[in-house]
C-alpha atoms as a PDB file:
ATOM      1  CA  MET A   1      -0.006  -0.163   0.088  1.00  0.00           C
ATOM      2  CA  SER A   2       1.584   3.251  -1.129  1.00  0.00           C
ATOM      3  CA  LEU A   3       1.600   6.502   0.967  1.00  0.00           C
ATOM      4  CA  ILE A   4      -0.586   8.167  -1.427  1.00  0.00           C
ATOM      5  CA  GLN A   5      -3.340   5.429  -0.675  1.00  0.00           C
ATOM      6  CA  LYS A   6      -2.732   6.045   3.116  1.00  0.00           C
ATOM      7  CA  LEU A   7      -3.335   9.831   2.952  1.00  0.00           C
ATOM      8  CA  PRO A   8      -6.757  11.037   3.588  1.00  0.00           C
ATOM      9  CA  GLN A   9      -8.668  11.724   0.502  1.00  0.00           C
ATOM     10  CA  PRO A  10      -9.507  14.156  -1.029  1.00  0.00           C
ATOM     11  CA  LYS A  11      -6.422  16.553  -0.102  1.00  0.00           C
ATOM     12  CA  LEU A  12      -6.800  19.513   1.701  1.00  0.00           C
ATOM     13  CA  PRO A  13      -8.228  22.541  -0.311  1.00  0.00           C
ATOM     14  CA  GLU A  14      -5.506  24.885  -1.593  1.00  0.00           C
ATOM     15  CA  ASP A  15      -6.614  27.742   0.384  1.00  0.00           C
ATOM     16  CA  ILE A  16      -6.814  25.785   3.740  1.00  0.00           C
ATOM     17  CA  ARG A  17      -3.392  24.434   2.963  1.00  0.00           C
ATOM     18  CA  PHE A  18      -1.839  27.797   2.317  1.00  0.00           C
ATOM     19  CA  GLU A  19      -3.654  29.078   5.606  1.00  0.00           C
ATOM     20  CA  THR A  20      -2.097  26.405   7.546  1.00  0.00           C
ATOM     21  CA  GLN A  21       1.280  26.805   6.167  1.00  0.00           C
ATOM     22  CA  ALA A  22       1.393  30.657   6.839  1.00  0.00           C
ATOM     23  CA  ARG A  23      -0.061  29.886  10.580  1.00  0.00           C
ATOM     24  CA  GLU A  24       2.858  27.321  11.073  1.00  0.00           C
ATOM     25  CA  SER A  25       5.569  29.422   9.668  1.00  0.00           C
ATOM     26  CA  TYR A  26       4.395  32.528  11.748  1.00  0.00           C
ATOM     27  CA  HIS A  27       4.477  30.189  14.727  1.00  0.00           C
ATOM     28  CA  LEU A  28       8.159  28.929  13.961  1.00  0.00           C
ATOM     29  CA  LEU A  29       9.038  32.593  13.362  1.00  0.00           C
ATOM     30  CA  LYS A  30       8.294  33.341  17.017  1.00  0.00           C
ATOM     31  CA  ILE A  31      10.078  30.375  18.286  1.00  0.00           C
ATOM     32  CA  MET A  32      13.212  31.591  16.377  1.00  0.00           C
ATOM     33  CA  SER A  33      12.823  34.902  17.656  1.00  0.00           C
ATOM     34  CA  GLU A  34      12.960  33.714  21.242  1.00  0.00           C
ATOM     35  CA  PHE A  35      15.831  31.704  20.597  1.00  0.00           C
ATOM     36  CA  VAL A  36      17.842  34.754  19.138  1.00  0.00           C
ATOM     37  CA  ALA A  37      16.728  37.208  21.871  1.00  0.00           C
ATOM     38  CA  SER A  38      17.302  35.170  24.879  1.00  0.00           C
ATOM     39  CA  GLY A  39      20.560  33.741  23.456  1.00  0.00           C
ATOM     40  CA  GLU A  40      21.857  37.277  22.998  1.00  0.00           C
ATOM     41  CA  GLU A  41      20.831  37.959  26.672  1.00  0.00           C
ATOM     42  CA  LEU A  42      22.186  35.048  28.198  1.00  0.00           C
ATOM     43  CA  ARG A  43      25.499  34.897  26.444  1.00  0.00           C
ATOM     44  CA  ALA A  44      27.332  36.919  29.149  1.00  0.00           C
ATOM     45  CA  ILE A  45      26.303  34.986  32.357  1.00  0.00           C
ATOM     46  CA  GLN A  46      28.603  32.196  31.840  1.00  0.00           C
ATOM     47  CA  PRO A  47      29.395  30.210  33.954  1.00  0.00           C
ATOM     48  CA  ALA A  48      26.143  29.436  35.189  1.00  0.00           C
ATOM     49  CA  VAL A  49      24.293  26.541  37.046  1.00  0.00           C
ATOM     50  CA  SER A  50      20.783  25.645  36.366  1.00  0.00           C
ATOM     51  CA  ILE A  51      18.637  24.757  39.294  1.00  0.00           C
ATOM     52  CA  TYR A  52      15.221  22.949  38.610  1.00  0.00           C
ATOM     53  CA  GLY A  53      12.355  22.338  41.342  1.00  0.00           C
ATOM     54  CA  SER A  54       8.760  22.691  42.038  1.00  0.00           C
ATOM     55  CA  ALA A  55       6.829  25.921  42.074  1.00  0.00           C
ATOM     56  CA  ARG A  56       4.650  24.877  44.798  1.00  0.00           C
ATOM     57  CA  ILE A  57       7.373  24.327  47.687  1.00  0.00           C
ATOM     58  CA  ARG A  58       6.612  27.190  50.264  1.00  0.00           C
ATOM     59  CA  PRO A  59       9.442  29.545  51.635  1.00  0.00           C
ATOM     60  CA  GLU A  60       9.317  27.895  55.230  1.00  0.00           C
ATOM     61  CA  GLU A  61       9.868  24.305  53.833  1.00  0.00           C
ATOM     62  CA  PRO A  62      13.421  22.819  54.171  1.00  0.00           C
ATOM     63  CA  ASP A  63      14.013  22.310  50.442  1.00  0.00           C
ATOM     64  CA  TYR A  64      13.342  26.117  49.998  1.00  0.00           C
ATOM     65  CA  LEU A  65      15.738  27.025  52.448  1.00  0.00           C
ATOM     66  CA  PHE A  66      18.317  24.638  51.260  1.00  0.00           C
ATOM     67  CA  THR A  67      18.078  25.819  47.843  1.00  0.00           C
ATOM     68  CA  GLU A  68      18.475  29.485  48.828  1.00  0.00           C
ATOM     69  CA  ARG A  69      21.627  28.567  50.665  1.00  0.00           C
ATOM     70  CA  LEU A  70      22.877  26.757  48.011  1.00  0.00           C
ATOM     71  CA  ALA A  71      22.155  29.243  45.337  1.00  0.00           C
ATOM     72  CA  ARG A  72      23.972  31.932  47.607  1.00  0.00           C
ATOM     73  CA  LYS A  73      26.967  29.951  47.706  1.00  0.00           C
ATOM     74  CA  LEU A  74      27.089  29.182  43.985  1.00  0.00           C
ATOM     75  CA  SER A  75      26.759  32.992  43.425  1.00  0.00           C
ATOM     76  CA  ASP A  76      29.510  33.868  45.666  1.00  0.00           C
ATOM     77  CA  ALA A  77      31.686  31.179  44.280  1.00  0.00           C
ATOM     78  CA  GLY A  78      31.344  32.751  41.028  1.00  0.00           C
ATOM     79  CA  PHE A  79      28.443  31.087  39.148  1.00  0.00           C
ATOM     80  CA  SER A  80      25.184  32.774  37.697  1.00  0.00           C
ATOM     81  CA  VAL A  81      22.144  30.735  38.827  1.00  0.00           C
ATOM     82  CA  ILE A  82      19.372  30.034  36.271  1.00  0.00           C
ATOM     83  CA  SER A  83      15.917  29.154  37.548  1.00  0.00           C
ATOM     84  CA  GLY A  84      12.464  29.148  36.096  1.00  0.00           C
ATOM     85  CA  GLY A  85      11.804  32.588  37.403  1.00  0.00           C
ATOM     86  CA  GLY A  86       8.554  31.557  39.006  1.00  0.00           C
ATOM     87  CA  PRO A  87       7.772  30.821  42.871  1.00  0.00           C
ATOM     88  CA  GLY A  88       8.852  28.092  45.067  1.00  0.00           C
ATOM     89  CA  ILE A  89      12.007  26.170  44.482  1.00  0.00           C
ATOM     90  CA  MET A  90      12.779  28.783  41.498  1.00  0.00           C
ATOM     91  CA  GLU A  91      12.184  31.793  43.953  1.00  0.00           C
ATOM     92  CA  ALA A  92      14.544  30.339  46.419  1.00  0.00           C
ATOM     93  CA  ALA A  93      17.394  29.824  43.605  1.00  0.00           C
ATOM     94  CA  ASN A  94      16.722  33.422  42.450  1.00  0.00           C
ATOM     95  CA  LYS A  95      16.646  34.718  46.035  1.00  0.00           C
ATOM     96  CA  GLY A  96      19.746  33.191  47.244  1.00  0.00           C
ATOM     97  CA  ALA A  97      21.817  34.339  43.869  1.00  0.00           C
ATOM     98  CA  PHE A  98      20.309  37.768  44.032  1.00  0.00           C
ATOM     99  CA  ALA A  99      21.900  38.261  47.416  1.00  0.00           C
ATOM    100  CA  GLY A 100      25.326  36.998  46.131  1.00  0.00           C
ATOM    101  CA  LYS A 101      27.944  38.171  43.816  1.00  0.00           C
ATOM    102  CA  SER A 102      27.071  36.804  40.403  1.00  0.00           C
ATOM    103  CA  PRO A 103      23.699  37.258  38.608  1.00  0.00           C
ATOM    104  CA  SER A 104      20.506  35.926  39.588  1.00  0.00           C
ATOM    105  CA  VAL A 105      18.612  34.548  36.194  1.00  0.00           C
ATOM    106  CA  GLY A 106      14.943  33.832  35.525  1.00  0.00           C
ATOM    107  CA  LEU A 107      13.789  32.047  32.571  1.00  0.00           C
ATOM    108  CA  ASN A 108      10.018  32.988  33.007  1.00  0.00           C
ATOM    109  CA  ILE A 109       7.155  31.184  31.091  1.00  0.00           C
ATOM    110  CA  GLU A 110       3.833  32.643  30.327  1.00  0.00           C
ATOM    111  CA  LEU A 111       1.247  30.168  31.594  1.00  0.00           C
ATOM    112  CA  PRO A 112      -2.485  30.852  32.370  1.00  0.00           C
ATOM    113  CA  HIS A 113      -2.026  29.493  36.069  1.00  0.00           C
ATOM    114  CA  GLU A 114       0.636  29.112  38.846  1.00  0.00           C
ATOM    115  CA  GLN A 115       3.542  30.866  37.070  1.00  0.00           C
ATOM    116  CA  HIS A 116       4.424  34.347  38.129  1.00  0.00           C
ATOM    117  CA  ALA A 117       7.765  36.068  38.019  1.00  0.00           C
ATOM    118  CA  ASN A 118       9.521  36.487  41.555  1.00  0.00           C
ATOM    119  CA  PRO A 119      11.088  39.541  42.256  1.00  0.00           C
ATOM    120  CA  TYR A 120      14.549  38.299  42.793  1.00  0.00           C
ATOM    121  CA  GLN A 121      15.895  38.377  39.316  1.00  0.00           C
ATOM    122  CA  ASP A 122      19.013  40.636  37.843  1.00  0.00           C
ATOM    123  CA  LEU A 123      18.111  39.315  34.495  1.00  0.00           C
ATOM    124  CA  SER A 124      14.667  38.173  33.441  1.00  0.00           C
ATOM    125  CA  VAL A 125      13.982  36.516  30.279  1.00  0.00           C
ATOM    126  CA  THR A 126      10.246  35.675  29.243  1.00  0.00           C
ATOM    127  CA  PHE A 127       9.253  33.005  27.038  1.00  0.00           C
ATOM    128  CA  GLN A 128       5.933  32.084  25.421  1.00  0.00           C
ATOM    129  CA  HIS A 129       7.250  28.694  24.420  1.00  0.00           C
ATOM    130  CA  PHE A 130       8.671  25.717  26.529  1.00  0.00           C
ATOM    131  CA  PHE A 131      10.942  24.633  23.916  1.00  0.00           C
ATOM    132  CA  PRO A 132      13.432  27.640  23.495  1.00  0.00           C
ATOM    133  CA  ARG A 133      13.105  27.982  27.327  1.00  0.00           C
ATOM    134  CA  LYS A 134      14.222  24.276  27.932  1.00  0.00           C
ATOM    135  CA  VAL A 135      17.173  24.722  25.483  1.00  0.00           C
ATOM    136  CA  MET A 136      18.424  27.821  27.329  1.00  0.00           C
ATOM    137  CA  PHE A 137      18.258  25.919  30.643  1.00  0.00           C
ATOM    138  CA  VAL A 138      20.710  23.285  29.220  1.00  0.00           C
ATOM    139  CA  LYS A 139      22.769  25.227  26.909  1.00  0.00           C
ATOM    140  CA  HIS A 140      23.753  28.083  29.188  1.00  0.00           C
ATOM    141  CA  ALA A 141      24.542  26.066  32.329  1.00  0.00           C
ATOM    142  CA  ILE A 142      27.794  23.928  33.117  1.00  0.00           C
ATOM    143  CA  ALA A 143      25.845  21.911  35.741  1.00  0.00           C
ATOM    144  CA  TYR A 144      22.189  21.005  36.821  1.00  0.00           C
ATOM    145  CA  VAL A 145      20.841  20.887  40.262  1.00  0.00           C
ATOM    146  CA  VAL A 146      17.584  19.021  40.532  1.00  0.00           C
ATOM    147  CA  MET A 147      15.572  19.912  43.849  1.00  0.00           C
ATOM    148  CA  PRO A 148      11.943  17.908  44.609  1.00  0.00           C
ATOM    149  CA  GLY A 149       9.377  18.944  41.760  1.00  0.00           C
ATOM    150  CA  GLY A 150       6.505  17.457  39.806  1.00  0.00           C
ATOM    151  CA  PHE A 151       6.072  16.943  36.238  1.00  0.00           C
ATOM    152  CA  GLY A 152       8.004  20.010  34.927  1.00  0.00           C
ATOM    153  CA  THR A 153      10.898  19.294  37.096  1.00  0.00           C
ATOM    154  CA  LEU A 154      10.977  15.667  36.026  1.00  0.00           C
ATOM    155  CA  ASP A 155      10.789  16.711  32.205  1.00  0.00           C
ATOM    156  CA  GLU A 156      13.789  18.970  32.884  1.00  0.00           C
ATOM    157  CA  LEU A 157      15.641  16.510  34.604  1.00  0.00           C
ATOM    158  CA  PHE A 158      15.159  13.798  31.830  1.00  0.00           C
ATOM    159  CA  GLU A 159      15.567  16.152  29.092  1.00  0.00           C
ATOM    160  CA  SER A 160      19.204  17.093  30.608  1.00  0.00           C
ATOM    161  CA  LEU A 161      19.995  13.568  31.185  1.00  0.00           C
ATOM    162  CA  THR A 162      19.296  12.455  27.753  1.00  0.00           C
ATOM    163  CA  LEU A 163      21.236  15.154  26.149  1.00  0.00           C
ATOM    164  CA  VAL A 164      24.256  14.369  28.085  1.00  0.00           C
ATOM    165  CA  GLN A 165      23.704  10.404  27.752  1.00  0.00           C
ATOM    166  CA  THR A 166      23.674  11.054  24.003  1.00  0.00           C
ATOM    167  CA  GLY A 167      26.444  13.380  23.801  1.00  0.00           C
ATOM    168  CA  LYS A 168      24.361  16.101  22.338  1.00  0.00           C
ATOM    169  CA  THR A 169      25.402  18.410  25.083  1.00  0.00           C
ATOM    170  CA  PRO A 170      28.849  18.095  26.938  1.00  0.00           C
ATOM    171  CA  ALA A 171      29.174  15.810  29.935  1.00  0.00           C
ATOM    172  CA  ARG A 172      27.869  17.956  32.873  1.00  0.00           C
ATOM    173  CA  PRO A 173      27.151  17.381  36.543  1.00  0.00           C
ATOM    174  CA  ILE A 174      23.424  16.298  37.335  1.00  0.00           C
ATOM    175  CA  ILE A 175      22.882  16.416  40.861  1.00  0.00           C
ATOM    176  CA  LEU A 176      19.696  15.425  42.651  1.00  0.00           C
ATOM    177  CA  VAL A 177      19.011  16.747  46.151  1.00  0.00           C
ATOM    178  CA  ASN A 178      16.882  15.197  48.891  1.00  0.00           C
ATOM    179  CA  ARG A 179      17.796  11.525  49.234  1.00  0.00           C
ATOM    180  CA  PRO A 180      14.331  10.397  50.526  1.00  0.00           C
ATOM    181  CA  PHE A 181      12.683  12.085  47.620  1.00  0.00           C
ATOM    182  CA  TRP A 182      14.844  10.691  44.887  1.00  0.00           C
ATOM    183  CA  GLN A 183      16.074   7.253  46.112  1.00  0.00           C
ATOM    184  CA  GLY A 184      12.828   5.358  45.043  1.00  0.00           C
ATOM    185  CA  LEU A 185      13.177   6.720  41.416  1.00  0.00           C
ATOM    186  CA  LEU A 186      16.964   5.942  41.423  1.00  0.00           C
ATOM    187  CA  ASP A 187      16.040   2.355  42.580  1.00  0.00           C
ATOM    188  CA  TRP A 188      13.579   2.084  39.715  1.00  0.00           C
ATOM    189  CA  LEU A 189      15.770   3.154  37.088  1.00  0.00           C
ATOM    190  CA  HIS A 190      18.557   0.741  38.236  1.00  0.00           C
ATOM    191  CA  GLU A 191      16.151  -2.205  38.370  1.00  0.00           C
ATOM    192  CA  GLN A 192      13.837  -1.861  35.564  1.00  0.00           C
ATOM    193  CA  LEU A 193      16.183   0.337  33.032  1.00  0.00           C
ATOM    194  CA  GLY A 194      19.701  -0.925  34.137  1.00  0.00           C
ATOM    195  CA  GLN A 195      19.152  -4.334  34.951  1.00  0.00           C
ATOM    196  CA  ARG A 196      17.095  -4.974  31.758  1.00  0.00           C
ATOM    197  CA  GLY A 197      19.665  -3.516  29.692  1.00  0.00           C
ATOM    198  CA  LEU A 198      17.527  -0.648  28.664  1.00  0.00           C
ATOM    199  CA  ILE A 199      20.273   1.816  29.341  1.00  0.00           C
ATOM    200  CA  GLY A 200      23.903   1.412  29.120  1.00  0.00           C
ATOM    201  CA  GLU A 201      26.135   0.098  31.937  1.00  0.00           C
ATOM    202  CA  ASN A 202      27.552   3.493  33.128  1.00  0.00           C
ATOM    203  CA  ASP A 203      24.610   5.746  32.265  1.00  0.00           C
ATOM    204  CA  MET A 204      23.421   5.649  36.103  1.00  0.00           C
ATOM    205  CA  SER A 205      26.592   7.270  36.938  1.00  0.00           C
ATOM    206  CA  LEU A 206      25.515  10.255  35.062  1.00  0.00           C
ATOM    207  CA  LEU A 207      23.261  11.094  37.965  1.00  0.00           C
ATOM    208  CA  GLN A 208      24.748  12.091  41.485  1.00  0.00           C
ATOM    209  CA  LEU A 209      22.737  12.231  44.683  1.00  0.00           C
ATOM    210  CA  CYS A 210      24.102  14.808  47.212  1.00  0.00           C
ATOM    211  CA  ASP A 211      22.610  16.579  50.214  1.00  0.00           C
ATOM    212  CA  ASP A 212      25.398  18.746  51.140  1.00  0.00           C
ATOM    213  CA  GLU A 213      25.786  22.323  50.048  1.00  0.00           C
ATOM    214  CA  ASP A 214      29.411  22.713  50.177  1.00  0.00           C
ATOM    215  CA  GLU A 215      29.956  19.279  48.380  1.00  0.00           C
ATOM    216  CA  ILE A 216      27.573  20.313  45.645  1.00  0.00           C
ATOM    217  CA  VAL A 217      29.628  23.644  44.997  1.00  0.00           C
ATOM    218  CA  ALA A 218      32.805  21.597  45.131  1.00  0.00           C
ATOM    219  CA  THR A 219      31.773  19.124  42.702  1.00  0.00           C
ATOM    220  CA  ILE A 220      30.626  21.904  40.312  1.00  0.00           C
ATOM    221  CA  PHE A 221      33.414  23.999  40.640  1.00  0.00           C
ATOM    222  CA  GLN A 222      36.034  20.821  40.152  1.00  0.00           C
ATOM    223  CA  HIS A 223      33.966  20.112  36.846  1.00  0.00           C
ATOM    224  CA  TYR A 224      34.257  23.936  35.873  1.00  0.00           C
ATOM    225  CA  GLU A 225      38.146  23.731  36.258  1.00  0.00           C
ATOM    226  CA  ASN A 226      38.109  21.236  33.255  1.00  0.00           C
ATOM    227  CA  CYS A 227      35.832  23.534  30.942  1.00  0.00           C
ATOM    228  CA  PHE A 228      36.972  26.079  28.316  1.00  0.00           C
ATOM    229  CA  ASP A 229      34.645  28.653  27.312  1.00  0.00           C
ATOM    230  CA  GLY A 230      31.467  26.920  28.433  1.00  0.00           C
ATOM    231  CA  VAL A 231      32.269  23.586  26.767  1.00  0.00           C
ATOM    232  CA  CYS A 232      34.100  20.641  28.504  1.00  0.00           C
ATOM    233  CA  ARG A 233      36.636  18.342  27.055  1.00  0.00           C
ATOM    234  CA  LEU A 234      36.500  14.437  27.475  1.00  0.00           C
ATOM    235  CA  PRO A 235      39.202  12.594  29.134  1.00  0.00           C
ATOM    236  CA  ASN A 236      40.828  11.886  25.793  1.00  0.00           C
ATOM    237  CA  ASN A 237      40.775  15.861  24.913  1.00  0.00           C
ATOM    238  CA  GLN A 238      38.123  15.228  22.107  1.00  0.00           C
ATOM    239  CA  TRP A 239      35.644  18.143  21.755  1.00  0.00           C
ATOM    240  CA  GLU A 240      31.781  17.035  22.431  1.00  0.00           C
ATOM    241  CA  LEU A 241      28.977  18.232  20.096  1.00  0.00           C
ATOM    242  CA  GLY A 242      27.211  20.729  22.104  1.00  0.00           C
ATOM    243  CA  LEU A 243      23.948  22.640  21.566  1.00  0.00           C
END
């Protein structure tokens, strides 16, 4: 059976086809414009660390306070801190960095509910589309710290993990914080993916679990010492393909 036979008949009328093409082209141009504008603004913030986490964690909760302290230490150590620009963990990350020596950066997203920009941003970039926003989280950071969160946090975690695993972005620390929150997921990944051969033997080593602020900063700083112009070398001195 040929492709022509599988396609719906009759084909779309010409006027509807042209209208669809025009609408999609306009949509694509808007996404491209977000890439260009955000890339220009974020070029100067390196080195930077992206911190992911839930918008729903309150300021009095331990994860919020940990994130605020960690972001302050990263900022004082010379790393810009990138968050999603909203409340919860994102606010804690920006708040800590805002009080430090390096820029606090928020990659805000326009949503009908839940998301609103926090006031602790030296640089605020607003996106209408998740796609360019997610790319900027990955592209402009030399490490990723993942606090407890929901679907959005898991999406960002596995996006970053997949890009590092496949070599589409240079090897970078992916650090999970809060052992009781993440341990069940790590056990499942090991048992269901690792033992069944659905991931490589060393893929689990791409994830690190750490609940100590100073150790996290030291791990990221040690990694940064082997980086040049925001791109890191492999042990054999081959350049990896970055975003």
